[in-house]
Amino acid sequence: TIGVSAFDGCNGFSTLLIGTGITSIDNQAFMFCRNIQSITIKAATPPTLGTQVFNVTNNCPIYVPANAVDTYKSAWNTVRDRITAIIP
């Protein structure tokens, strides 16, 4: 789990990689991380997503496994327009 507000306001990184072992991302975990240019999530099953997790994150793309794009878009409706397949 990535906890509530874990990285809220952190601007020290431009890319974010979330591995396969993460099953939930709590509220506002990455809110106000304005320098993020891309988010990659390796898990085939979307982690449970809290509220406002990726708010004010530069509207960057969220890359997920290609065979899970539709599943992520369904589960993560609030950021569905940002979800795309991981580029090999």
N, C-alpha and C. Protein backbone atom coordinates (compact mmCIF):
# COMPACT_ATOMS: atom_id res chain seq x y z
N THR A 1 0.84 -1.19 0.00
CA THR A 1 0.00 0.00 0.00
C THR A 1 0.88 1.24 0.00
N ILE A 2 0.45 2.22 -0.78
CA ILE A 2 1.06 3.55 -0.70
C ILE A 2 0.07 4.38 0.09
N GLY A 3 0.48 4.87 1.24
CA GLY A 3 -0.41 5.49 2.20
C GLY A 3 -0.93 6.87 1.84
N VAL A 4 -1.88 7.32 2.63
CA VAL A 4 -2.50 8.63 2.47
C VAL A 4 -1.43 9.72 2.45
N SER A 5 -1.46 10.55 1.43
CA SER A 5 -0.56 11.70 1.28
C SER A 5 0.92 11.33 1.36
N ALA A 6 1.27 10.10 1.03
CA ALA A 6 2.65 9.62 1.16
C ALA A 6 3.68 10.51 0.45
N PHE A 7 3.35 10.98 -0.74
CA PHE A 7 4.28 11.82 -1.50
C PHE A 7 3.63 13.15 -1.86
N ASP A 8 2.60 13.53 -1.17
CA ASP A 8 1.87 14.77 -1.44
C ASP A 8 2.84 15.95 -1.48
N GLY A 9 2.87 16.64 -2.60
CA GLY A 9 3.70 17.83 -2.74
C GLY A 9 5.16 17.56 -3.03
N CYS A 10 5.53 16.31 -3.24
CA CYS A 10 6.92 15.98 -3.52
C CYS A 10 7.24 16.30 -4.98
N ASN A 11 8.21 17.14 -5.20
CA ASN A 11 8.58 17.53 -6.55
C ASN A 11 10.00 17.09 -6.90
N GLY A 12 10.52 16.11 -6.17
CA GLY A 12 11.88 15.66 -6.36
C GLY A 12 12.06 14.57 -7.41
N PHE A 13 11.00 14.21 -8.12
CA PHE A 13 11.14 13.18 -9.15
C PHE A 13 10.26 13.52 -10.35
N SER A 14 10.69 13.03 -11.53
CA SER A 14 9.93 13.32 -12.74
C SER A 14 9.24 12.09 -13.30
N THR A 15 9.68 10.90 -12.89
CA THR A 15 9.03 9.68 -13.31
C THR A 15 8.65 8.87 -12.08
N LEU A 16 7.61 8.11 -12.22
CA LEU A 16 7.11 7.31 -11.10
C LEU A 16 6.89 5.89 -11.62
N LEU A 17 7.48 4.90 -10.95
CA LEU A 17 7.30 3.50 -11.30
C LEU A 17 6.70 2.80 -10.09
N ILE A 18 5.52 2.22 -10.29
CA ILE A 18 4.83 1.49 -9.23
C ILE A 18 4.86 0.02 -9.63
N GLY A 19 5.47 -0.80 -8.78
CA GLY A 19 5.68 -2.21 -9.08
C GLY A 19 4.44 -3.07 -8.93
N THR A 20 4.63 -4.36 -9.14
CA THR A 20 3.52 -5.31 -9.14
C THR A 20 2.99 -5.61 -7.74
N GLY A 21 3.76 -5.33 -6.71
CA GLY A 21 3.34 -5.66 -5.34
C GLY A 21 2.40 -4.66 -4.69
N ILE A 22 2.14 -3.55 -5.33
CA ILE A 22 1.26 -2.53 -4.75
C ILE A 22 -0.19 -2.88 -5.08
N THR A 23 -1.02 -3.00 -4.04
CA THR A 23 -2.42 -3.37 -4.24
C THR A 23 -3.38 -2.22 -3.95
N SER A 24 -2.88 -1.16 -3.31
CA SER A 24 -3.74 0.01 -3.10
C SER A 24 -2.90 1.27 -3.00
N ILE A 25 -3.49 2.34 -3.49
CA ILE A 25 -2.88 3.67 -3.44
C ILE A 25 -3.91 4.58 -2.77
N ASP A 26 -3.57 5.05 -1.59
CA ASP A 26 -4.54 5.79 -0.78
C ASP A 26 -4.70 7.25 -1.22
N ASN A 27 -5.68 7.89 -0.64
CA ASN A 27 -6.04 9.27 -0.97
C ASN A 27 -4.84 10.20 -1.01
N GLN A 28 -4.81 11.00 -2.05
CA GLN A 28 -3.85 12.08 -2.22
C GLN A 28 -2.39 11.65 -2.16
N ALA A 29 -2.11 10.38 -2.45
CA ALA A 29 -0.75 9.85 -2.33
C ALA A 29 0.28 10.64 -3.15
N PHE A 30 -0.11 11.10 -4.33
CA PHE A 30 0.83 11.83 -5.19
C PHE A 30 0.30 13.21 -5.58
N MET A 31 -0.66 13.71 -4.86
CA MET A 31 -1.26 15.01 -5.16
C MET A 31 -0.20 16.12 -5.08
N PHE A 32 -0.28 17.06 -5.98
CA PHE A 32 0.63 18.21 -6.05
C PHE A 32 2.08 17.82 -6.35
N CYS A 33 2.30 16.68 -6.98
CA CYS A 33 3.63 16.30 -7.46
C CYS A 33 3.74 16.85 -8.88
N ARG A 34 4.03 18.11 -8.98
CA ARG A 34 3.93 18.86 -10.24
C ARG A 34 5.00 18.52 -11.27
N ASN A 35 6.10 17.90 -10.87
CA ASN A 35 7.19 17.63 -11.81
C ASN A 35 7.09 16.26 -12.48
N ILE A 36 6.09 15.48 -12.14
CA ILE A 36 5.96 14.15 -12.74
C ILE A 36 5.65 14.28 -14.23
N GLN A 37 6.45 13.58 -15.03
CA GLN A 37 6.25 13.57 -16.48
C GLN A 37 5.60 12.28 -16.97
N SER A 38 5.76 11.21 -16.19
CA SER A 38 5.12 9.94 -16.55
C SER A 38 4.99 9.05 -15.32
N ILE A 39 3.94 8.23 -15.35
CA ILE A 39 3.66 7.27 -14.28
C ILE A 39 3.54 5.91 -14.96
N THR A 40 4.30 4.92 -14.48
CA THR A 40 4.22 3.57 -15.02
C THR A 40 3.82 2.64 -13.89
N ILE A 41 2.82 1.81 -14.15
CA ILE A 41 2.33 0.86 -13.16
C ILE A 41 2.45 -0.53 -13.77
N LYS A 42 3.20 -1.39 -13.12
CA LYS A 42 3.50 -2.72 -13.66
C LYS A 42 2.43 -3.77 -13.36
N ALA A 43 1.58 -3.53 -12.38
CA ALA A 43 0.59 -4.52 -11.96
C ALA A 43 -0.46 -4.77 -13.04
N ALA A 44 -0.74 -6.05 -13.31
CA ALA A 44 -1.78 -6.40 -14.28
C ALA A 44 -3.17 -6.10 -13.74
N THR A 45 -3.33 -6.18 -12.43
CA THR A 45 -4.59 -5.84 -11.78
C THR A 45 -4.46 -4.44 -11.18
N PRO A 46 -5.36 -3.54 -11.51
CA PRO A 46 -5.24 -2.18 -10.98
C PRO A 46 -5.30 -2.15 -9.45
N PRO A 47 -4.36 -1.47 -8.83
CA PRO A 47 -4.48 -1.27 -7.38
C PRO A 47 -5.74 -0.48 -7.06
N THR A 48 -6.29 -0.68 -5.89
CA THR A 48 -7.41 0.13 -5.45
C THR A 48 -6.93 1.57 -5.37
N LEU A 49 -7.71 2.48 -5.91
CA LEU A 49 -7.29 3.87 -6.00
C LEU A 49 -8.16 4.74 -5.10
N GLY A 50 -7.52 5.50 -4.21
CA GLY A 50 -8.24 6.43 -3.35
C GLY A 50 -8.64 7.67 -4.13
N THR A 51 -9.04 8.70 -3.43
CA THR A 51 -9.46 9.94 -4.08
C THR A 51 -8.29 10.90 -4.26
N GLN A 52 -8.33 11.65 -5.31
CA GLN A 52 -7.37 12.70 -5.62
C GLN A 52 -5.92 12.22 -5.62
N VAL A 53 -5.71 10.97 -5.94
CA VAL A 53 -4.36 10.38 -5.90
C VAL A 53 -3.41 11.10 -6.85
N PHE A 54 -3.85 11.34 -8.07
CA PHE A 54 -2.98 11.94 -9.08
C PHE A 54 -3.40 13.36 -9.45
N ASN A 55 -4.11 14.05 -8.57
CA ASN A 55 -4.49 15.43 -8.84
C ASN A 55 -3.25 16.32 -8.86
N VAL A 56 -3.22 17.24 -9.78
CA VAL A 56 -2.14 18.21 -9.95
C VAL A 56 -0.80 17.48 -10.15
N THR A 57 -0.82 16.54 -11.09
CA THR A 57 0.41 15.82 -11.46
C THR A 57 0.71 16.05 -12.93
N ASN A 58 0.53 17.27 -13.37
CA ASN A 58 0.96 17.66 -14.70
C ASN A 58 0.16 16.97 -15.81
N ASN A 59 -0.97 16.34 -15.48
CA ASN A 59 -1.76 15.59 -16.46
C ASN A 59 -0.92 14.64 -17.30
N CYS A 60 0.12 14.10 -16.68
CA CYS A 60 1.04 13.21 -17.38
C CYS A 60 0.37 11.87 -17.70
N PRO A 61 0.94 11.14 -18.68
CA PRO A 61 0.38 9.83 -19.01
C PRO A 61 0.60 8.82 -17.89
N ILE A 62 -0.33 7.88 -17.81
CA ILE A 62 -0.23 6.77 -16.86
C ILE A 62 -0.13 5.50 -17.71
N TYR A 63 1.06 4.89 -17.69
CA TYR A 63 1.32 3.69 -18.49
C TYR A 63 1.02 2.44 -17.67
N VAL A 64 0.28 1.52 -18.28
CA VAL A 64 -0.09 0.26 -17.64
C VAL A 64 0.14 -0.87 -18.64
N PRO A 65 0.17 -2.14 -18.17
CA PRO A 65 0.34 -3.24 -19.11
C PRO A 65 -0.71 -3.19 -20.23
N ALA A 66 -0.28 -3.46 -21.45
CA ALA A 66 -1.15 -3.34 -22.62
C ALA A 66 -2.43 -4.16 -22.50
N ASN A 67 -2.33 -5.36 -21.94
CA ASN A 67 -3.51 -6.20 -21.84
C ASN A 67 -4.44 -5.80 -20.70
N ALA A 68 -4.08 -4.74 -19.96
CA ALA A 68 -4.90 -4.30 -18.83
C ALA A 68 -5.42 -2.87 -18.99
N VAL A 69 -5.21 -2.27 -20.13
CA VAL A 69 -5.63 -0.87 -20.34
C VAL A 69 -7.12 -0.69 -20.06
N ASP A 70 -7.96 -1.52 -20.64
CA ASP A 70 -9.40 -1.39 -20.45
C ASP A 70 -9.81 -1.59 -18.98
N THR A 71 -9.15 -2.54 -18.32
CA THR A 71 -9.44 -2.81 -16.91
C THR A 71 -9.09 -1.59 -16.06
N TYR A 72 -7.94 -0.99 -16.33
CA TYR A 72 -7.54 0.21 -15.59
C TYR A 72 -8.51 1.36 -15.87
N LYS A 73 -8.87 1.56 -17.12
CA LYS A 73 -9.79 2.65 -17.45
C LYS A 73 -11.12 2.49 -16.75
N SER A 74 -11.56 1.27 -16.60
CA SER A 74 -12.81 1.00 -15.90
C SER A 74 -12.67 1.24 -14.40
N ALA A 75 -11.57 0.77 -13.83
CA ALA A 75 -11.36 0.87 -12.39
C ALA A 75 -10.95 2.27 -11.96
N TRP A 76 -10.24 2.97 -12.80
CA TRP A 76 -9.70 4.30 -12.47
C TRP A 76 -10.37 5.37 -13.33
N ASN A 77 -11.65 5.45 -13.26
CA ASN A 77 -12.44 6.34 -14.11
C ASN A 77 -11.99 7.80 -14.06
N THR A 78 -11.55 8.28 -12.91
CA THR A 78 -11.19 9.70 -12.77
C THR A 78 -9.95 10.09 -13.57
N VAL A 79 -9.12 9.12 -13.94
CA VAL A 79 -7.92 9.41 -14.73
C VAL A 79 -7.88 8.60 -16.02
N ARG A 80 -9.01 8.08 -16.41
CA ARG A 80 -9.09 7.18 -17.57
C ARG A 80 -8.49 7.77 -18.85
N ASP A 81 -8.62 9.07 -19.06
CA ASP A 81 -8.10 9.71 -20.27
C ASP A 81 -6.58 9.75 -20.31
N ARG A 82 -5.94 9.52 -19.18
CA ARG A 82 -4.48 9.56 -19.10
C ARG A 82 -3.85 8.17 -19.24
N ILE A 83 -4.67 7.12 -19.21
CA ILE A 83 -4.17 5.74 -19.20
C ILE A 83 -3.87 5.28 -20.62
N THR A 84 -2.68 4.69 -20.78
CA THR A 84 -2.26 4.16 -22.07
C THR A 84 -1.35 2.95 -21.83
N ALA A 85 -1.10 2.21 -22.88
CA ALA A 85 -0.27 1.00 -22.77
C ALA A 85 1.19 1.35 -22.57
N ILE A 86 1.86 0.52 -21.78
CA ILE A 86 3.31 0.67 -21.60
C ILE A 86 3.97 0.52 -22.96
N ILE A 87 4.87 1.41 -23.26
CA ILE A 87 5.61 1.36 -24.52
C ILE A 87 6.82 0.46 -24.31
N PRO A 88 6.94 -0.61 -25.11
CA PRO A 88 8.07 -1.53 -24.91
C PRO A 88 9.42 -0.90 -25.18
